Amino acid sequence: MALPPKLIGPAISLITGLITSTTMSFVGLALNYGFQPDFAVRWLRAAATSYLVVVPMLVIVIPRIQRFVMRQAGLPTR
C-alpha cells in the first residue's frame, strides 16, 4: 500500500521526531545524569516528553523547510 502524498509530511515528522527525541534524550541524560540504576525509566520518560513536544513542531516546520529548499533548487513547489 502506497502512502498518499498528503501524509508524506506528517510521516516524516513522526519518524524524524522519534529518532531525534530518543537519541537526544539518551545522550543528554547519559552526559548529565550518568548511567544510574533508574536510567532506563528516566530515559523513556524524557524521550516520551520530548517526542510530544517535537512532533507538533516538526509538523509545522518541515513543510516550510521543504518549500524553501525546493525554491532554492529551482523546483516547483506545491
Protein backbone atom coordinates (compact mmCIF):
# COMPACT_ATOMS: atom_id res chain seq x y z
CA MET A 1 0.00 0.00 0.00
CA ALA A 2 1.41 3.35 -1.06
CA LEU A 3 1.46 6.32 1.27
CA PRO A 4 -0.80 9.12 0.00
CA PRO A 5 1.20 12.26 -0.87
CA LYS A 6 -0.79 14.25 1.69
CA LEU A 7 0.61 12.06 4.50
CA ILE A 8 4.28 12.29 3.50
CA GLY A 9 4.98 15.37 5.64
CA PRO A 10 3.30 14.02 8.79
CA ALA A 11 5.00 10.63 8.32
CA ILE A 12 8.40 12.30 8.03
CA SER A 13 7.62 14.34 11.16
CA LEU A 14 6.64 11.26 13.17
CA ILE A 15 9.71 9.26 12.15
CA THR A 16 12.15 12.16 12.49
CA GLY A 17 10.65 13.07 15.86
CA LEU A 18 11.05 9.52 17.13
CA ILE A 19 14.68 9.28 16.05
CA THR A 20 15.71 12.69 17.33
CA SER A 21 13.81 12.62 20.62
CA THR A 22 15.09 9.18 21.62
CA THR A 23 18.67 9.89 20.55
CA MET A 24 18.95 13.34 22.08
CA SER A 25 17.24 12.38 25.34
CA PHE A 26 19.58 9.38 25.66
CA VAL A 27 22.70 11.46 25.03
CA GLY A 28 21.58 14.35 27.23
CA LEU A 29 20.59 12.10 30.10
CA ALA A 30 23.75 9.98 29.84
CA LEU A 31 26.01 13.04 29.84
CA ASN A 32 24.22 14.94 32.60
CA TYR A 33 22.92 12.16 34.84
CA GLY A 34 25.11 9.17 34.04
CA PHE A 35 24.09 5.54 33.88
CA GLN A 36 22.34 5.27 37.25
CA PRO A 37 20.11 2.28 38.15
CA ASP A 38 16.96 4.20 37.10
CA PHE A 39 18.46 5.40 33.82
CA ALA A 40 16.06 3.44 31.59
CA VAL A 41 12.94 4.80 33.31
CA ARG A 42 14.25 8.37 33.23
CA TRP A 43 15.29 7.99 29.58
CA LEU A 44 11.91 6.64 28.46
CA ARG A 45 10.11 9.44 30.31
CA ALA A 46 12.40 12.07 28.78
CA ALA A 47 12.07 10.55 25.30
CA ALA A 48 8.26 10.45 25.51
CA THR A 49 8.08 14.03 26.74
CA SER A 50 10.41 15.35 24.06
CA TYR A 51 8.53 13.37 21.38
CA LEU A 52 5.28 15.05 22.40
CA VAL A 53 6.95 18.45 22.13
CA VAL A 54 8.98 17.89 18.96
CA VAL A 55 6.45 16.21 16.63
CA PRO A 56 3.94 19.09 16.53
CA MET A 57 6.82 21.49 15.93
CA LEU A 58 8.12 19.32 13.07
CA VAL A 59 4.65 19.10 11.50
CA ILE A 60 4.70 22.90 11.27
CA VAL A 61 8.37 23.41 10.34
CA ILE A 62 9.16 20.58 7.87
CA PRO A 63 6.75 21.70 5.10
CA ARG A 64 8.17 25.24 5.27
CA ILE A 65 11.74 23.96 5.09
CA GLN A 66 10.80 21.72 2.18
CA ARG A 67 9.24 24.62 0.26
CA PHE A 68 12.27 26.83 0.97
CA VAL A 69 14.75 24.20 -0.21
CA MET A 70 12.72 23.42 -3.32
CA ARG A 71 12.55 27.13 -4.19
CA GLN A 72 16.31 27.45 -3.74
CA ALA A 73 16.80 24.44 -6.01
CA GLY A 74 14.53 25.96 -8.66
CA LEU A 75 11.99 23.16 -8.35
CA PRO A 76 8.23 23.71 -8.42
CA THR A 77 6.51 23.82 -5.04
CA ARG A 78 3.00 22.61 -4.45
